[in-house]
Amino acid sequence: MTQLATVVNVMIASPSDIPAARDAVERALRSWNSANTPGRGFVLHPLRWETDSVPMLGHHPQAILNEQLLAKADIVIALFGSRVGSETPNSISGTVEEIEGAVASGKPVHLFFSEAPHPANVDLTQLQALRGFRAALQERGLYGSFENEDELLTKVWSAIEMDLRDIIQPLHAAASLPTPPSERFLVQGRSEREPKTDSKGRVHYDTRRWVEITNRGNDDVIEVMLEGVSEQMLLPGWDRPRTVHAGQKQTASYWLGMGGGEPRVKLTWVENGEPKSKEYDI
């Protein structure tokens, strides 16, 4: 019997040294599907470079993977063993670039480090880089660990359940309802800590802040303007009206000076020939 289900794409990101752990994550997803898809209407689809990427020339391999896999992912499961991975033009490794890209896009990311003994031929340079990356993460959030594949399977299942409960299901439910006129736009504040390396190789962090503006309606909105209500708040690039297409998300970086208080913005637009405006705490 056929059944309609919502596909949730789960990207499995890792360097090449832990294939068994990658397989364990896929088993966790397929096990979840067997137990839950018929009753809950969601199917978890694993995204892996081995099976879901298409060979292509003309760009750096990591850029191609970002476009083909990361852009499609709803959730990212990242794994590390004894390697941080191969350096890319934009990051210390492809896996780290995928993690940072997912975080910047607001996607849930779950990191797990293997605590199994390292192989006898471990690359010490890679291991040291991995330990440095792991130490830097302590200021940015929580990560997990696993002793073996069975433990990883259980932890991945728990992480997926949390994402479905807190993020995926609420968004799915909201998308199925008509958007009331007063909620034409979804306006949310975002921020992330970006690692920076100084001339001596020391890592420090700068905080980048931005506003996400999503047109939740079924038609385009014209004459959209965004301005800061808080004192000393700058929104470069939003000094001219623009169009936000149906379903489109646009972003606006902002800076808030000392003493500016809590960030608050005002959005103005024209809808059906009528000027409208609303203020948002971000």
Protein backbone atom coordinates (compact mmCIF):
# COMPACT_ATOMS: atom_id res chain seq x y z
CA MET A 1 0.00 0.00 0.00
CA THR A 2 1.39 3.42 -0.93
CA GLN A 3 1.92 6.17 1.65
CA LEU A 4 2.81 9.84 1.40
CA ALA A 5 5.76 10.83 3.58
CA THR A 6 7.93 13.90 4.15
CA VAL A 7 11.58 13.27 3.26
CA VAL A 8 14.15 14.55 5.77
CA ASN A 9 17.64 14.60 4.25
CA VAL A 10 20.37 13.71 6.76
CA MET A 11 23.92 14.37 5.61
CA ILE A 12 26.64 12.12 7.02
CA ALA A 13 29.84 14.20 7.13
CA SER A 14 33.26 12.85 8.13
CA PRO A 15 36.84 12.37 7.00
CA SER A 16 37.63 9.07 5.29
CA ASP A 17 39.12 7.24 8.27
CA ILE A 18 35.89 6.02 9.93
CA PRO A 19 33.80 4.19 7.29
CA ALA A 20 32.29 1.84 9.89
CA ALA A 21 30.89 4.78 11.85
CA ARG A 22 29.41 6.26 8.67
CA ASP A 23 27.70 2.93 7.99
CA ALA A 24 26.40 2.87 11.57
CA VAL A 25 24.72 6.25 11.10
CA GLU A 26 23.01 5.03 7.94
CA ARG A 27 21.83 1.91 9.78
CA ALA A 28 20.40 4.15 12.50
CA LEU A 29 18.44 6.15 9.92
CA ARG A 30 17.08 3.07 8.17
CA SER A 31 16.20 1.47 11.51
CA TRP A 32 14.29 4.62 12.47
CA ASN A 33 12.41 4.51 9.16
CA SER A 34 11.36 0.89 9.70
CA ALA A 35 9.98 1.68 13.16
CA ASN A 36 8.46 5.12 12.60
CA THR A 37 7.73 6.05 8.98
CA PRO A 38 4.37 4.21 8.73
CA GLY A 39 2.96 5.92 11.80
CA ARG A 40 4.61 9.34 11.68
CA GLY A 41 4.86 10.16 7.99
CA PHE A 42 8.58 11.03 7.89
CA VAL A 43 11.33 9.16 6.08
CA LEU A 44 15.00 9.83 6.83
CA HIS A 45 17.16 9.84 3.71
CA PRO A 46 20.95 9.51 4.25
CA LEU A 47 23.12 11.78 2.10
CA ARG A 48 26.64 10.40 1.56
CA TRP A 49 29.27 11.50 -0.92
CA GLU A 50 29.87 7.85 -1.82
CA THR A 51 26.31 7.36 -3.10
CA ASP A 52 24.68 10.77 -3.60
CA SER A 53 27.32 12.92 -5.31
CA VAL A 54 27.60 13.23 -9.10
CA PRO A 55 31.05 13.52 -10.74
CA MET A 56 31.59 17.03 -12.12
CA LEU A 57 34.52 19.16 -13.29
CA GLY A 58 35.06 22.89 -13.10
CA HIS A 59 35.01 23.55 -9.33
CA HIS A 60 36.86 22.44 -6.23
CA PRO A 61 35.51 19.04 -5.10
CA GLN A 62 34.35 20.47 -1.78
CA ALA A 63 32.36 23.21 -3.51
CA ILE A 64 30.63 20.53 -5.58
CA LEU A 65 29.78 18.49 -2.47
CA ASN A 66 28.46 21.61 -0.77
CA GLU A 67 26.12 22.23 -3.69
CA GLN A 68 25.04 18.64 -4.23
CA LEU A 69 24.73 17.45 -0.62
CA LEU A 70 24.98 20.19 1.99
CA ALA A 71 22.47 22.45 0.26
CA LYS A 72 19.90 19.63 0.30
CA ALA A 73 20.51 18.55 3.91
CA ASP A 74 17.98 19.23 6.66
CA ILE A 75 20.21 17.73 9.38
CA VAL A 76 23.96 17.10 9.50
CA ILE A 77 25.60 14.27 11.47
CA ALA A 78 29.37 14.88 11.65
CA LEU A 79 31.85 12.24 12.79
CA PHE A 80 35.55 12.31 13.61
CA GLY A 81 38.01 9.52 14.38
CA SER A 82 41.72 10.34 14.34
CA ARG A 83 41.78 12.76 11.37
CA VAL A 84 40.40 16.27 10.90
CA GLY A 85 40.41 15.76 7.11
CA SER A 86 41.91 17.33 4.01
CA GLU A 87 42.29 21.09 3.82
CA THR A 88 40.06 23.06 1.43
CA PRO A 89 40.46 26.63 0.09
CA ASN A 90 38.03 27.86 2.76
CA SER A 91 38.64 25.68 5.82
CA ILE A 92 41.00 23.36 7.65
CA SER A 93 39.06 20.41 6.21
CA GLY A 94 36.10 19.51 4.05
CA THR A 95 34.16 18.15 7.02
CA VAL A 96 34.77 21.30 9.05
CA GLU A 97 33.64 23.41 6.07
CA GLU A 98 30.44 21.37 5.88
CA ILE A 99 29.83 21.86 9.60
CA GLU A 100 30.36 25.62 9.40
CA GLY A 101 28.14 25.87 6.32
CA ALA A 102 25.32 23.99 8.03
CA VAL A 103 25.57 26.11 11.19
CA ALA A 104 25.52 29.32 9.12
CA SER A 105 22.35 28.09 7.39
CA GLY A 106 20.62 27.37 10.68
CA LYS A 107 20.58 23.61 10.18
CA PRO A 108 20.90 21.31 13.20
CA VAL A 109 24.39 19.81 13.42
CA HIS A 110 25.38 16.93 15.69
CA LEU A 111 29.09 16.19 16.22
CA PHE A 112 30.43 12.91 17.55
CA PHE A 113 34.07 12.07 18.27
CA SER A 114 35.24 8.47 18.41
CA GLU A 115 36.88 7.42 21.67
CA ALA A 116 38.13 4.13 20.23
CA PRO A 117 41.92 3.52 20.29
CA HIS A 118 43.76 5.21 17.45
CA PRO A 119 45.34 3.00 14.77
CA ALA A 120 49.05 2.21 15.02
CA ASN A 121 49.80 4.21 11.87
CA VAL A 122 47.89 7.31 13.00
CA ASP A 123 48.92 10.57 11.32
CA LEU A 124 50.13 12.67 14.25
CA THR A 125 49.75 15.95 12.36
CA GLN A 126 46.13 15.14 11.60
CA LEU A 127 45.51 14.00 15.17
CA GLN A 128 46.94 17.21 16.60
CA ALA A 129 44.81 19.32 14.25
CA LEU A 130 41.73 17.35 15.27
CA ARG A 131 42.45 17.91 18.96
CA GLY A 132 42.83 21.64 18.33
CA PHE A 133 39.50 21.75 16.51
CA ARG A 134 37.81 19.80 19.30
CA ALA A 135 39.19 22.15 21.95
CA ALA A 136 37.95 25.18 20.01
CA LEU A 137 34.44 23.72 19.93
CA GLN A 138 34.10 23.84 23.70
CA GLU A 139 33.12 27.51 23.55
CA ARG A 140 30.57 26.99 20.77
CA GLY A 141 28.27 24.24 22.01
CA LEU A 142 27.99 20.60 22.97
CA TYR A 143 29.39 17.63 21.10
CA GLY A 144 29.16 13.91 21.76
CA SER A 145 31.44 10.91 21.73
CA PHE A 146 31.09 7.19 21.12
CA GLU A 147 33.07 4.09 22.03
CA ASN A 148 31.66 1.85 19.30
CA GLU A 149 29.16 1.76 16.44
CA ASP A 150 26.30 0.40 18.56
CA GLU A 151 26.59 3.34 20.96
CA LEU A 152 26.72 5.75 18.01
CA LEU A 153 23.55 4.23 16.54
CA THR A 154 21.65 4.90 19.76
CA LYS A 155 22.92 8.49 20.07
CA VAL A 156 22.10 9.31 16.45
CA TRP A 157 18.56 8.02 16.93
CA SER A 158 18.15 10.29 19.99
CA ALA A 159 19.51 13.32 18.09
CA ILE A 160 17.12 12.74 15.20
CA GLU A 161 14.17 12.44 17.57
CA MET A 162 15.08 15.79 19.12
CA ASP A 163 15.33 17.47 15.71
CA LEU A 164 12.01 16.08 14.55
CA ARG A 165 10.27 17.15 17.76
CA ASP A 166 11.76 20.63 18.06
CA ILE A 167 12.47 21.72 14.48
CA ILE A 168 11.26 19.55 11.60
CA GLN A 169 7.72 18.75 12.77
CA PRO A 170 6.87 22.34 13.86
CA LEU A 171 8.09 23.72 10.52
CA HIS A 172 6.17 21.04 8.63
CA ALA A 173 3.00 21.80 10.56
CA ALA A 174 3.39 25.55 10.02
CA ALA A 175 3.94 25.08 6.29
CA SER A 176 0.68 23.15 5.97
CA LEU A 177 -1.37 26.04 7.40
CA PRO A 178 -2.35 29.21 5.50
CA THR A 179 -0.27 32.18 6.60
CA PRO A 180 -2.34 34.95 8.15
CA PRO A 181 -1.77 38.44 6.69
CA SER A 182 -0.24 39.70 9.96
CA GLU A 183 2.44 37.03 9.65
CA ARG A 184 3.40 37.68 6.06
CA PHE A 185 7.07 37.78 7.08
CA LEU A 186 9.11 35.62 9.40
CA VAL A 187 11.90 37.81 10.81
CA GLN A 188 14.55 36.16 12.99
CA GLY A 189 17.90 37.23 14.38
CA ARG A 190 20.88 34.92 13.91
CA SER A 191 24.49 34.92 15.08
CA GLU A 192 27.56 32.71 14.95
CA ARG A 193 31.09 32.81 16.28
CA GLU A 194 33.63 32.75 13.46
CA PRO A 195 37.13 31.43 14.17
CA LYS A 196 39.96 33.77 13.18
CA THR A 197 43.67 33.02 13.20
CA ASP A 198 46.17 35.75 13.95
CA SER A 199 49.73 36.03 12.61
CA LYS A 200 51.00 33.75 15.40
CA GLY A 201 48.52 31.00 14.63
CA ARG A 202 46.36 31.68 17.66
CA VAL A 203 42.62 31.21 17.25
CA HIS A 204 40.10 33.76 18.47
CA TYR A 205 36.45 34.34 17.65
CA ASP A 206 34.44 37.19 16.18
CA THR A 207 30.65 37.22 16.38
CA ARG A 208 28.74 37.73 13.12
CA ARG A 209 25.10 38.81 13.43
CA TRP A 210 22.40 38.95 10.81
CA VAL A 211 18.63 39.07 10.31
CA GLU A 212 16.74 36.52 8.21
CA ILE A 213 13.62 37.82 6.44
CA THR A 214 11.36 35.17 4.91
CA ASN A 215 8.32 35.90 2.74
CA ARG A 216 5.87 33.25 3.92
CA GLY A 217 3.17 34.23 1.44
CA ASN A 218 2.35 32.89 -2.02
CA ASP A 219 3.19 36.07 -3.94
CA ASP A 220 6.03 38.57 -4.20
CA VAL A 221 6.24 41.60 -1.93
CA ILE A 222 7.59 44.90 -3.24
CA GLU A 223 9.08 48.02 -1.65
CA VAL A 224 10.55 46.07 1.24
CA MET A 225 12.71 48.16 3.57
CA LEU A 226 14.47 47.25 6.81
CA GLU A 227 15.73 49.73 9.38
CA GLY A 228 17.14 49.50 12.87
CA VAL A 229 14.94 50.72 15.70
CA SER A 230 17.63 50.27 18.34
CA GLU A 231 20.11 53.10 18.75
CA GLN A 232 23.48 52.75 16.99
CA MET A 233 22.20 49.87 14.85
CA LEU A 234 23.55 49.67 11.30
CA LEU A 235 22.05 47.58 8.47
CA PRO A 236 24.33 48.14 5.45
CA GLY A 237 22.79 47.38 2.07
CA TRP A 238 19.18 47.94 3.09
CA ASP A 239 18.97 51.65 2.32
CA ARG A 240 16.93 51.05 -0.86
CA PRO A 241 13.58 49.27 -1.40
CA ARG A 242 13.76 45.71 -2.74
CA THR A 243 11.46 42.86 -3.73
CA VAL A 244 11.23 39.68 -1.66
CA HIS A 245 9.81 36.87 -3.77
CA ALA A 246 7.29 34.31 -2.56
CA GLY A 247 8.98 31.80 -0.27
CA GLN A 248 12.30 33.62 -0.53
CA LYS A 249 14.64 34.23 2.40
CA GLN A 250 16.89 37.29 2.39
CA THR A 251 19.52 38.19 4.96
CA ALA A 252 20.77 41.47 6.40
CA SER A 253 23.99 41.73 8.38
CA TYR A 254 23.88 44.22 11.21
CA TRP A 255 26.14 45.92 13.73
CA LEU A 256 24.97 47.15 17.13
CA GLY A 257 27.07 49.75 18.89
CA MET A 258 27.81 49.90 22.61
CA GLY A 259 24.75 50.98 24.56
CA GLY A 260 22.41 50.10 21.71
CA GLY A 261 20.27 47.86 23.90
CA GLU A 262 18.42 44.82 22.59
CA PRO A 263 18.33 44.64 18.78
CA ARG A 264 14.99 45.64 17.25
CA VAL A 265 14.17 46.27 13.59
CA LYS A 266 11.28 47.73 11.62
CA LEU A 267 10.16 46.15 8.35
CA THR A 268 8.05 48.13 5.88
CA TRP A 269 6.53 46.91 2.62
CA VAL A 270 3.67 47.40 0.16
CA GLU A 271 1.01 44.71 -0.05
CA ASN A 272 -1.96 44.99 -2.46
CA GLY A 273 -1.12 48.65 -2.91
CA GLU A 274 -1.28 49.32 0.84
CA PRO A 275 1.78 50.33 2.90
CA LYS A 276 2.42 48.05 5.86
CA SER A 277 5.00 47.89 8.65
CA LYS A 278 5.88 45.84 11.71
CA GLU A 279 8.61 45.89 14.34
CA TYR A 280 10.47 42.77 15.48
CA ASP A 281 12.70 41.97 18.42
CA ILE A 282 15.59 39.89 17.10
